[in-house]
């Protein structure tokens, strides 16, 4: 789920960078949020909620 959020944020960042005139601050906030989402995915990915028998 975090990986999907990161992908969407990265795409929005690229669209904002290339297609729209968005302020640099907002573009970089999207990039930082995408990086945090990827890190959270890999750190929290081991906790899947399933129990091994």
Protein backbone atom coordinates (compact mmCIF):
# COMPACT_ATOMS: atom_id res chain seq x y z
CA UNK A 1 0.00 0.00 0.00
CA UNK A 2 2.80 2.41 0.86
CA UNK A 3 4.49 1.54 -2.41
CA UNK A 4 1.35 2.50 -4.33
CA UNK A 5 1.14 5.80 -2.44
CA UNK A 6 4.80 6.45 -3.23
CA UNK A 7 4.22 5.73 -6.91
CA UNK A 8 1.23 8.08 -7.06
CA UNK A 9 3.15 10.83 -5.27
CA UNK A 10 6.13 10.40 -7.58
CA UNK A 11 3.87 10.64 -10.64
CA UNK A 12 2.20 13.76 -9.23
CA UNK A 13 5.64 15.21 -8.59
CA UNK A 14 6.70 14.58 -12.18
CA UNK A 15 3.45 16.05 -13.52
CA UNK A 16 3.85 19.09 -11.33
CA UNK A 17 7.43 19.50 -12.46
CA UNK A 18 6.77 19.08 -16.18
CA UNK A 19 3.18 20.09 -16.90
CA UNK A 20 2.09 22.63 -14.31
CA UNK A 21 3.68 25.69 -12.82
CA UNK A 22 3.58 24.61 -9.19
CA UNK A 23 5.80 26.27 -6.66
CA UNK A 24 9.08 24.53 -5.98
CA UNK A 25 8.16 24.11 -2.31
CA UNK A 26 5.05 22.03 -3.10
CA UNK A 27 6.91 19.89 -5.64
CA UNK A 28 9.63 19.07 -3.16
CA UNK A 29 7.08 18.25 -0.46
CA UNK A 30 5.56 15.66 -2.81
CA UNK A 31 8.99 14.19 -3.49
CA UNK A 32 9.81 13.99 0.22
CA UNK A 33 6.44 12.35 0.94
CA UNK A 34 7.09 9.76 -1.79
CA UNK A 35 10.52 8.91 -0.36
CA UNK A 36 9.07 8.58 3.15
CA UNK A 37 6.33 6.29 1.81
CA UNK A 38 8.91 4.03 0.13
CA UNK A 39 10.98 3.85 3.32
CA UNK A 40 7.87 3.09 5.38
CA UNK A 41 6.94 0.34 2.91
CA UNK A 42 10.27 -1.43 3.27
CA UNK A 43 10.49 -0.95 7.04
CA UNK A 44 6.91 -1.95 7.76
CA UNK A 45 6.69 -4.53 4.98
CA UNK A 46 7.84 -7.32 7.24
CA UNK A 47 4.81 -6.86 9.51
CA UNK A 48 2.09 -8.42 7.38
CA UNK A 49 -0.28 -9.44 10.17
CA UNK A 50 -0.08 -13.11 9.28
CA UNK A 51 1.02 -15.60 11.89
CA UNK A 52 3.27 -18.49 10.95
CA UNK A 53 2.44 -21.90 12.32
